[in-house]
PDB file of N, CA and C in Angstrom:
ATOM      1  N   UNK A   1       0.914  -1.527   0.015  1.00  0.00           N
ATOM      2  CA  UNK A   1      -0.129  -0.019   0.117  1.00  0.00           C
ATOM      3  C   UNK A   1       1.250   1.334  -0.242  1.00  0.00           C
ATOM      4  N   UNK A   2       0.463   2.356  -0.992  1.00  0.00           N
ATOM      5  CA  UNK A   2       1.621   3.259  -0.822  1.00  0.00           C
ATOM      6  C   UNK A   2       1.109   4.275   0.196  1.00  0.00           C
ATOM      7  N   UNK A   3      -0.395   4.820   0.412  1.00  0.00           N
ATOM      8  CA  UNK A   3      -0.929   5.687   1.751  1.00  0.00           C
ATOM      9  C   UNK A   3      -2.424   5.382   1.991  1.00  0.00           C
ATOM     10  N   UNK A   4      -2.492   6.179   3.321  1.00  0.00           N
ATOM     11  CA  UNK A   4      -3.793   5.635   3.765  1.00  0.00           C
ATOM     12  C   UNK A   4      -3.936   7.306   4.010  1.00  0.00           C
ATOM     13  N   UNK A   5      -5.059   7.985   3.479  1.00  0.00           N
ATOM     14  CA  UNK A   5      -5.035   8.923   3.724  1.00  0.00           C
ATOM     15  C   UNK A   5      -6.490   9.688   4.408  1.00  0.00           C
ATOM     16  N   UNK A   6      -6.752  10.571   5.475  1.00  0.00           N
ATOM     17  CA  UNK A   6      -8.257  10.542   6.281  1.00  0.00           C
ATOM     18  C   UNK A   6      -8.735  11.749   6.393  1.00  0.00           C
ATOM     19  N   UNK A   7      -9.318  12.595   6.258  1.00  0.00           N
ATOM     20  CA  UNK A   7      -9.746  13.835   7.104  1.00  0.00           C
ATOM     21  C   UNK A   7      -9.381  14.145   8.368  1.00  0.00           C
ATOM     22  N   UNK A   8      -8.856  15.417   8.698  1.00  0.00           N
ATOM     23  CA  UNK A   8      -8.602  15.909  10.401  1.00  0.00           C
ATOM     24  C   UNK A   8      -9.681  15.307  11.049  1.00  0.00           C
ATOM     25  N   UNK A   9     -10.400  14.535  11.691  1.00  0.00           N
ATOM     26  CA  UNK A   9     -11.561  14.204  12.258  1.00  0.00           C
ATOM     27  C   UNK A   9     -11.461  15.638  13.017  1.00  0.00           C
ATOM     28  N   UNK A  10     -10.642  16.796  13.598  1.00  0.00           N
ATOM     29  CA  UNK A  10     -11.039  17.688  14.212  1.00  0.00           C
ATOM     30  C   UNK A  10     -11.601  19.221  13.124  1.00  0.00           C
ATOM     31  N   UNK A  11     -11.717  18.968  11.745  1.00  0.00           N
ATOM     32  CA  UNK A  11     -11.702  19.441  10.827  1.00  0.00           C
ATOM     33  C   UNK A  11     -13.499  19.823  11.490  1.00  0.00           C
ATOM     34  N   UNK A  12     -13.407  21.071  10.672  1.00  0.00           N
ATOM     35  CA  UNK A  12     -15.347  21.414  11.144  1.00  0.00           C
ATOM     36  C   UNK A  12     -16.034  21.636   9.568  1.00  0.00           C
ATOM     37  N   UNK A  13     -14.900  21.606   8.553  1.00  0.00           N
ATOM     38  CA  UNK A  13     -15.631  21.474   6.907  1.00  0.00           C
ATOM     39  C   UNK A  13     -15.622  19.722   7.115  1.00  0.00           C
ATOM     40  N   UNK A  14     -16.570  19.299   6.634  1.00  0.00           N
ATOM     41  CA  UNK A  14     -16.882  17.823   6.537  1.00  0.00           C
ATOM     42  C   UNK A  14     -17.482  16.981   4.835  1.00  0.00           C
ATOM     43  N   UNK A  15     -17.803  18.659   4.161  1.00  0.00           N
ATOM     44  CA  UNK A  15     -18.247  18.328   3.013  1.00  0.00           C
ATOM     45  C   UNK A  15     -17.208  17.960   1.608  1.00  0.00           C
ATOM     46  N   UNK A  16     -15.912  18.550   1.914  1.00  0.00           N
ATOM     47  CA  UNK A  16     -15.005  18.395   0.871  1.00  0.00           C
ATOM     48  C   UNK A  16     -13.149  17.749   1.610  1.00  0.00           C
ATOM     49  N   UNK A  17     -12.495  17.172   0.918  1.00  0.00           N
ATOM     50  CA  UNK A  17     -11.474  17.217   0.851  1.00  0.00           C
ATOM     51  C   UNK A  17     -10.527  17.107   0.133  1.00  0.00           C
ATOM     52  N   UNK A  18      -9.897  16.786   0.625  1.00  0.00           N
ATOM     53  CA  UNK A  18      -8.331  17.140  -0.964  1.00  0.00           C
ATOM     54  C   UNK A  18      -7.041  16.599  -1.024  1.00  0.00           C
ATOM     55  N   UNK A  19      -6.388  15.689  -2.063  1.00  0.00           N
ATOM     56  CA  UNK A  19      -5.653  15.053  -1.214  1.00  0.00           C
ATOM     57  C   UNK A  19      -4.248  15.222  -2.737  1.00  0.00           C
ATOM     58  N   UNK A  20      -3.462  15.430  -2.545  1.00  0.00           N
ATOM     59  CA  UNK A  20      -1.989  16.000  -2.910  1.00  0.00           C
ATOM     60  C   UNK A  20      -0.884  15.390  -2.891  1.00  0.00           C
ATOM     61  N   UNK A  21      -0.036  15.923  -4.039  1.00  0.00           N
ATOM     62  CA  UNK A  21       1.047  15.735  -3.527  1.00  0.00           C
ATOM     63  C   UNK A  21       1.961  14.394  -2.846  1.00  0.00           C
ATOM     64  N   UNK A  22       1.641  12.656  -3.799  1.00  0.00           N
ATOM     65  CA  UNK A  22       1.979  11.931  -3.732  1.00  0.00           C
ATOM     66  C   UNK A  22       2.420  10.740  -4.544  1.00  0.00           C
ATOM     67  N   UNK A  23       3.257   9.932  -4.463  1.00  0.00           N
ATOM     68  CA  UNK A  23       4.231   9.279  -5.342  1.00  0.00           C
ATOM     69  C   UNK A  23       4.271   8.187  -4.947  1.00  0.00           C
ATOM     70  N   UNK A  24       4.034   7.084  -5.397  1.00  0.00           N
ATOM     71  CA  UNK A  24       4.278   5.716  -4.957  1.00  0.00           C
ATOM     72  C   UNK A  24       4.425   4.899  -6.198  1.00  0.00           C
ATOM     73  N   UNK A  25       5.429   3.397  -5.483  1.00  0.00           N
ATOM     74  CA  UNK A  25       6.172   3.030  -6.645  1.00  0.00           C
ATOM     75  C   UNK A  25       6.206   1.754  -6.657  1.00  0.00           C
ATOM     76  N   UNK A  26       5.699   0.539  -7.084  1.00  0.00           N
ATOM     77  CA  UNK A  26       5.736  -0.664  -6.792  1.00  0.00           C
ATOM     78  C   UNK A  26       4.746  -1.361  -5.841  1.00  0.00           C
ATOM     79  N   UNK A  27       3.767  -0.635  -5.377  1.00  0.00           N
ATOM     80  CA  UNK A  27       2.838  -0.966  -4.876  1.00  0.00           C
ATOM     81  C   UNK A  27       1.989  -2.453  -5.082  1.00  0.00           C
ATOM     82  N   UNK A  28       1.425  -3.170  -4.224  1.00  0.00           N
ATOM     83  CA  UNK A  28       0.337  -4.630  -4.943  1.00  0.00           C
ATOM     84  C   UNK A  28      -1.056  -3.865  -4.725  1.00  0.00           C
ATOM     85  N   UNK A  29      -1.228  -3.201  -3.926  1.00  0.00           N
ATOM     86  CA  UNK A  29      -2.454  -2.457  -3.460  1.00  0.00           C
ATOM     87  C   UNK A  29      -2.495  -1.002  -3.986  1.00  0.00           C
ATOM     88  N   UNK A  30      -3.456  -0.116  -3.877  1.00  0.00           N
ATOM     89  CA  UNK A  30      -3.657   0.354  -4.288  1.00  0.00           C
ATOM     90  C   UNK A  30      -2.832   1.724  -4.035  1.00  0.00           C
ATOM     91  N   UNK A  31      -1.816   2.110  -4.673  1.00  0.00           N
ATOM     92  CA  UNK A  31      -0.831   3.842  -4.295  1.00  0.00           C
ATOM     93  C   UNK A  31      -1.743   4.601  -3.340  1.00  0.00           C
ATOM     94  N   UNK A  32      -2.847   4.848  -3.268  1.00  0.00           N
ATOM     95  CA  UNK A  32      -3.294   5.953  -2.762  1.00  0.00           C
ATOM     96  C   UNK A  32      -5.001   5.400  -2.139  1.00  0.00           C
ATOM     97  N   UNK A  33      -4.943   5.094  -0.501  1.00  0.00           N
ATOM     98  CA  UNK A  33      -6.347   4.568  -0.800  1.00  0.00           C
ATOM     99  C   UNK A  33      -7.206   5.887   0.129  1.00  0.00           C
ATOM    100  N   UNK A  34      -8.378   6.271   0.022  1.00  0.00           N
ATOM    101  CA  UNK A  34      -9.175   7.014   1.408  1.00  0.00           C
ATOM    102  C   UNK A  34     -10.567   6.909   1.493  1.00  0.00           C
ATOM    103  N   UNK A  35     -10.862   6.779   2.541  1.00  0.00           N
ATOM    104  CA  UNK A  35     -12.303   6.695   2.405  1.00  0.00           C
ATOM    105  C   UNK A  35     -12.779   7.530   3.672  1.00  0.00           C
ATOM    106  N   UNK A  36     -13.988   8.529   3.504  1.00  0.00           N
ATOM    107  CA  UNK A  36     -14.544   9.196   4.310  1.00  0.00           C
ATOM    108  C   UNK A  36     -15.444   9.598   3.734  1.00  0.00           C
ATOM    109  N   UNK A  37     -16.606  10.206   4.853  1.00  0.00           N
ATOM    110  CA  UNK A  37     -18.238  11.384   4.258  1.00  0.00           C
ATOM    111  C   UNK A  37     -18.039  12.397   3.240  1.00  0.00           C
ATOM    112  N   UNK A  38     -17.190  12.786   2.606  1.00  0.00           N
ATOM    113  CA  UNK A  38     -17.167  14.211   2.683  1.00  0.00           C
ATOM    114  C   UNK A  38     -18.118  13.889   1.144  1.00  0.00           C
ATOM    115  N   UNK A  39     -18.489  14.634   0.229  1.00  0.00           N
ATOM    116  CA  UNK A  39     -19.296  14.971  -0.999  1.00  0.00           C
ATOM    117  C   UNK A  39     -18.306  15.159  -2.001  1.00  0.00           C
ATOM    118  N   UNK A  40     -17.620  15.670  -2.147  1.00  0.00           N
ATOM    119  CA  UNK A  40     -16.272  16.100  -2.889  1.00  0.00           C
ATOM    120  C   UNK A  40     -15.483  16.356  -2.307  1.00  0.00           C
ATOM    121  N   UNK A  41     -14.774  15.182  -3.478  1.00  0.00           N
ATOM    122  CA  UNK A  41     -13.292  14.981  -3.341  1.00  0.00           C
ATOM    123  C   UNK A  41     -12.395  15.412  -4.479  1.00  0.00           C
ATOM    124  N   UNK A  42     -11.251  15.971  -4.182  1.00  0.00           N
ATOM    125  CA  UNK A  42     -10.135  17.110  -4.875  1.00  0.00           C
ATOM    126  C   UNK A  42      -8.801  16.439  -5.514  1.00  0.00           C
ATOM    127  N   UNK A  43      -8.645  15.166  -5.988  1.00  0.00           N
ATOM    128  CA  UNK A  43      -7.056  14.704  -6.048  1.00  0.00           C
ATOM    129  C   UNK A  43      -6.543  15.593  -7.312  1.00  0.00           C
ATOM    130  N   UNK A  44      -5.053  15.822  -6.980  1.00  0.00           N
ATOM    131  CA  UNK A  44      -4.204  16.303  -7.711  1.00  0.00           C
ATOM    132  C   UNK A  44      -2.754  16.019  -7.285  1.00  0.00           C
ATOM    133  N   UNK A  45      -1.905  16.142  -8.565  1.00  0.00           N
ATOM    134  CA  UNK A  45      -0.536  16.026  -7.937  1.00  0.00           C
ATOM    135  C   UNK A  45      -0.284  14.506  -7.484  1.00  0.00           C
ATOM    136  N   UNK A  46      -1.174  13.303  -8.264  1.00  0.00           N
ATOM    137  CA  UNK A  46      -0.781  12.404  -7.990  1.00  0.00           C
ATOM    138  C   UNK A  46       0.096  11.364  -8.793  1.00  0.00           C
ATOM    139  N   UNK A  47       1.055  10.616  -8.486  1.00  0.00           N
ATOM    140  CA  UNK A  47       1.974   9.870  -9.271  1.00  0.00           C
ATOM    141  C   UNK A  47       1.794   7.901  -8.843  1.00  0.00           C
ATOM    142  N   UNK A  48       1.588   7.267  -9.551  1.00  0.00           N
ATOM    143  CA  UNK A  48       1.395   5.894  -9.264  1.00  0.00           C
ATOM    144  C   UNK A  48       2.601   5.081 -10.470  1.00  0.00           C
ATOM    145  N   UNK A  49       3.498   4.779  -9.798  1.00  0.00           N
ATOM    146  CA  UNK A  49       4.419   4.013 -10.521  1.00  0.00           C
ATOM    147  C   UNK A  49       4.478   2.204 -10.925  1.00  0.00           C
ATOM    148  N   UNK A  50       4.301   1.758 -11.480  1.00  0.00           N
ATOM    149  CA  UNK A  50       4.089  -0.036 -11.673  1.00  0.00           C
ATOM    150  C   UNK A  50       3.525  -0.501 -10.650  1.00  0.00           C
ATOM    151  N   UNK A  51       1.831   0.185 -10.491  1.00  0.00           N
ATOM    152  CA  UNK A  51       0.983  -0.614  -9.125  1.00  0.00           C
ATOM    153  C   UNK A  51       0.237  -1.274  -9.554  1.00  0.00           C
ATOM    154  N   UNK A  52      -0.193  -2.416  -9.177  1.00  0.00           N
ATOM    155  CA  UNK A  52      -1.269  -3.733  -9.511  1.00  0.00           C
ATOM    156  C   UNK A  52      -3.087  -2.743  -9.629  1.00  0.00           C
ATOM    157  N   UNK A  53      -3.163  -1.733  -8.420  1.00  0.00           N
ATOM    158  CA  UNK A  53      -4.269  -1.854  -8.652  1.00  0.00           C
ATOM    159  C   UNK A  53      -4.577  -0.284  -8.652  1.00  0.00           C
ATOM    160  N   UNK A  54      -3.550   0.652  -8.716  1.00  0.00           N
ATOM    161  CA  UNK A  54      -4.255   1.899  -8.984  1.00  0.00           C
ATOM    162  C   UNK A  54      -4.354   2.658  -7.873  1.00  0.00           C
ATOM    163  N   UNK A  55      -5.716   3.285  -8.285  1.00  0.00           N
ATOM    164  CA  UNK A  55      -6.163   4.076  -6.896  1.00  0.00           C
ATOM    165  C   UNK A  55      -7.452   4.199  -6.104  1.00  0.00           C
ATOM    166  N   UNK A  56      -7.620   4.349  -5.180  1.00  0.00           N
ATOM    167  CA  UNK A  56      -8.513   3.864  -4.138  1.00  0.00           C
ATOM    168  C   UNK A  56      -9.506   4.758  -3.630  1.00  0.00           C
ATOM    169  N   UNK A  57     -10.845   5.455  -3.974  1.00  0.00           N
ATOM    170  CA  UNK A  57     -10.838   6.547  -3.314  1.00  0.00           C
ATOM    171  C   UNK A  57     -12.650   6.245  -3.239  1.00  0.00           C
ATOM    172  N   UNK A  58     -12.645   6.441  -1.700  1.00  0.00           N
ATOM    173  CA  UNK A  58     -14.101   6.236  -1.179  1.00  0.00           C
ATOM    174  C   UNK A  58     -15.207   7.055  -0.958  1.00  0.00           C
ATOM    175  N   UNK A  59     -16.236   7.283  -1.013  1.00  0.00           N
ATOM    176  CA  UNK A  59     -16.893   8.483  -0.131  1.00  0.00           C
ATOM    177  C   UNK A  59     -18.261   7.713  -0.081  1.00  0.00           C
ATOM    178  N   UNK A  60     -17.923   7.715   1.584  1.00  0.00           N
ATOM    179  CA  UNK A  60     -19.099   6.715   2.002  1.00  0.00           C
ATOM    180  C   UNK A  60     -19.823   7.016   3.106  1.00  0.00           C
ATOM    181  N   UNK A  61     -20.629   6.323   3.137  1.00  0.00           N
ATOM    182  CA  UNK A  61     -21.872   7.265   4.461  1.00  0.00           C
ATOM    183  C   UNK A  61     -22.671   8.191   4.647  1.00  0.00           C
ATOM    184  N   UNK A  62     -23.215   8.737   5.556  1.00  0.00           N
ATOM    185  CA  UNK A  62     -23.979   9.986   5.257  1.00  0.00           C
ATOM    186  C   UNK A  62     -25.353   9.732   4.813  1.00  0.00           C
ATOM    187  N   UNK A  63     -25.973  10.608   4.454  1.00  0.00           N
ATOM    188  CA  UNK A  63     -27.739  10.805   3.408  1.00  0.00           C
ATOM    189  C   UNK A  63     -27.124  11.402   2.358  1.00  0.00           C
ATOM    190  N   UNK A  64     -26.498  11.601   1.816  1.00  0.00           N
ATOM    191  CA  UNK A  64     -26.432  12.258   0.238  1.00  0.00           C
ATOM    192  C   UNK A  64     -26.707  11.621  -0.961  1.00  0.00           C
ATOM    193  N   UNK A  65     -27.395  12.429  -1.900  1.00  0.00           N
ATOM    194  CA  UNK A  65     -27.605  11.702  -3.183  1.00  0.00           C
ATOM    195  C   UNK A  65     -26.855  11.889  -4.146  1.00  0.00           C
ATOM    196  N   UNK A  66     -25.543  13.025  -3.977  1.00  0.00           N
ATOM    197  CA  UNK A  66     -24.511  12.452  -4.966  1.00  0.00           C
ATOM    198  C   UNK A  66     -23.351  13.046  -3.929  1.00  0.00           C
ATOM    199  N   UNK A  67     -22.290  12.304  -4.871  1.00  0.00           N
ATOM    200  CA  UNK A  67     -20.704  12.588  -4.254  1.00  0.00           C
ATOM    201  C   UNK A  67     -19.881  13.029  -5.407  1.00  0.00           C
ATOM    202  N   UNK A  68     -18.890  13.958  -5.281  1.00  0.00           N
ATOM    203  CA  UNK A  68     -18.171  14.051  -6.684  1.00  0.00           C
ATOM    204  C   UNK A  68     -16.506  13.959  -6.430  1.00  0.00           C
ATOM    205  N   UNK A  69     -15.832  13.147  -7.391  1.00  0.00           N
ATOM    206  CA  UNK A  69     -14.193  13.255  -7.502  1.00  0.00           C
ATOM    207  C   UNK A  69     -13.996  14.191  -8.393  1.00  0.00           C
ATOM    208  N   UNK A  70     -12.563  14.653  -8.256  1.00  0.00           N
ATOM    209  CA  UNK A  70     -12.272  15.134  -9.697  1.00  0.00           C
ATOM    210  C   UNK A  70     -10.580  15.218  -8.970  1.00  0.00           C
ATOM    211  N   UNK A  71      -9.987  14.717 -10.393  1.00  0.00           N
ATOM    212  CA  UNK A  71      -8.943  14.036 -10.102  1.00  0.00           C
ATOM    213  C   UNK A  71      -7.771  14.901 -11.277  1.00  0.00           C
ATOM    214  N   UNK A  72      -7.391  15.874 -11.067  1.00  0.00           N
ATOM    215  CA  UNK A  72      -6.030  16.440 -12.122  1.00  0.00           C
ATOM    216  C   UNK A  72      -4.879  16.237 -11.821  1.00  0.00           C
ATOM    217  N   UNK A  73      -3.699  16.098 -12.833  1.00  0.00           N
ATOM    218  CA  UNK A  73      -2.594  16.835 -12.722  1.00  0.00           C
ATOM    219  C   UNK A  73      -2.449  15.427 -12.400  1.00  0.00           C
ATOM    220  N   UNK A  74      -2.916  14.173 -12.481  1.00  0.00           N
ATOM    221  CA  UNK A  74      -1.926  12.999 -12.271  1.00  0.00           C
ATOM    222  C   UNK A  74      -1.460  11.819 -13.041  1.00  0.00           C
ATOM    223  N   UNK A  75      -0.688  11.103 -12.594  1.00  0.00           N
ATOM    224  CA  UNK A  75       0.326  10.237 -13.998  1.00  0.00           C
ATOM    225  C   UNK A  75      -0.346   8.191 -13.062  1.00  0.00           C
ATOM    226  N   UNK A  76      -0.886   7.939 -14.267  1.00  0.00           N
ATOM    227  CA  UNK A  76      -0.665   6.440 -13.657  1.00  0.00           C
ATOM    228  C   UNK A  76      -0.012   5.311 -14.639  1.00  0.00           C
ATOM    229  N   UNK A  77       1.098   5.093 -14.044  1.00  0.00           N
ATOM    230  CA  UNK A  77       1.453   3.545 -15.068  1.00  0.00           C
ATOM    231  C   UNK A  77       0.934   2.366 -14.399  1.00  0.00           C
ATOM    232  N   UNK A  78       0.739   1.688 -14.921  1.00  0.00           N
ATOM    233  CA  UNK A  78       0.361   0.536 -15.098  1.00  0.00           C
ATOM    234  C   UNK A  78       1.752  -0.801 -14.665  1.00  0.00           C
ATOM    235  N   UNK A  79       1.320  -1.923 -14.473  1.00  0.00           N
ATOM    236  CA  UNK A  79       2.346  -2.917 -13.775  1.00  0.00           C
ATOM    237  C   UNK A  79       3.178  -3.124 -15.223  1.00  0.00           C
ATOM    238  N   UNK A  80       4.445  -3.302 -15.140  1.00  0.00           N
ATOM    239  CA  UNK A  80       5.697  -3.369 -16.428  1.00  0.00           C
ATOM    240  C   UNK A  80       6.227  -4.263 -15.825  1.00  0.00           C
ATOM    241  N   UNK A  81       6.863  -5.464 -17.187  1.00  0.00           N
ATOM    242  CA  UNK A  81       7.224  -5.928 -17.144  1.00  0.00           C
ATOM    243  C   UNK A  81       9.146  -5.773 -16.457  1.00  0.00           C
ATOM    244  N   UNK A  82       9.562  -4.796 -16.651  1.00  0.00           N
ATOM    245  CA  UNK A  82      11.177  -4.645 -16.623  1.00  0.00           C
ATOM    246  C   UNK A  82      11.089  -5.174 -15.211  1.00  0.00           C
ATOM    247  N   UNK A  83      12.188  -5.712 -15.586  1.00  0.00           N
ATOM    248  CA  UNK A  83      12.886  -6.510 -14.435  1.00  0.00           C
ATOM    249  C   UNK A  83      13.801  -5.140 -13.318  1.00  0.00           C
ATOM    250  N   UNK A  84      13.266  -5.468 -12.102  1.00  0.00           N
ATOM    251  CA  UNK A  84      14.052  -3.977 -11.317  1.00  0.00           C
ATOM    252  C   UNK A  84      15.178  -4.623 -10.978  1.00  0.00           C
ATOM    253  N   UNK A  85      15.644  -5.545 -10.731  1.00  0.00           N
ATOM    254  CA  UNK A  85      16.593  -6.237 -10.346  1.00  0.00           C
ATOM    255  C   UNK A  85      17.576  -7.314 -11.173  1.00  0.00           C
ATOM    256  N   UNK A  86      18.378  -6.404 -12.450  1.00  0.00           N
ATOM    257  CA  UNK A  86      19.121  -7.463 -13.349  1.00  0.00           C
ATOM    258  C   UNK A  86      20.009  -8.228 -12.911  1.00  0.00           C
ATOM    259  N   UNK A  87      20.499  -9.380 -13.491  1.00  0.00           N
ATOM    260  CA  UNK A  87      21.558  -9.989 -13.133  1.00  0.00           C
ATOM    261  C   UNK A  87      22.902  -9.522 -13.395  1.00  0.00           C
ATOM    262  N   UNK A  88      23.337 -10.017 -12.035  1.00  0.00           N
ATOM    263  CA  UNK A  88      24.980  -8.718 -12.020  1.00  0.00           C
ATOM    264  C   UNK A  88      25.873  -8.971 -14.005  1.00  0.00           C
ATOM    265  N   UNK A  89      26.174  -8.571 -14.044  1.00  0.00           N
ATOM    266  CA  UNK A  89      27.458  -8.167 -14.953  1.00  0.00           C
ATOM    267  C   UNK A  89      26.322  -8.041 -16.577  1.00  0.00           C
ATOM    268  N   UNK A  90      24.749  -7.468 -16.640  1.00  0.00           N
ATOM    269  CA  UNK A  90      24.062  -7.616 -17.554  1.00  0.00           C
ATOM    270  C   UNK A  90      24.737  -6.269 -18.307  1.00  0.00           C
ATOM    271  N   UNK A  91      24.448  -6.735 -19.611  1.00  0.00           N
ATOM    272  CA  UNK A  91      24.690  -5.729 -20.387  1.00  0.00           C
ATOM    273  C   UNK A  91      23.553  -4.473 -21.584  1.00  0.00           C
ATOM    274  N   UNK A  92      23.442  -3.397 -20.777  1.00  0.00           N
ATOM    275  CA  UNK A  92      22.447  -2.751 -21.223  1.00  0.00           C
ATOM    276  C   UNK A  92      23.243  -1.989 -22.782  1.00  0.00           C
ATOM    277  N   UNK A  93      22.741  -2.408 -23.466  1.00  0.00           N
ATOM    278  CA  UNK A  93      22.914  -2.057 -24.882  1.00  0.00           C
ATOM    279  C   UNK A  93      22.249  -1.506 -25.061  1.00  0.00           C
TER     280      UNK A  93
END
């Protein structure tokens, strides 16, 4: 797992949550996971490299009819077959 992000429980604003400026590499679970009751989530400047399950943003609970998630300026690179630990003496030509 890259990171679990939760809102500040002392915050008086329960309608909006922002997650930004995070990068994860080689995670087997989502690179970023969040679970909260906000009706609007803004995610930006996230980079997930060679992760198996991408991003997990959940807006649960409450009695709202709609919830919105906006993702901007973020990059997601899927699993790669690139060898992370090449054998000693390998030629990189």
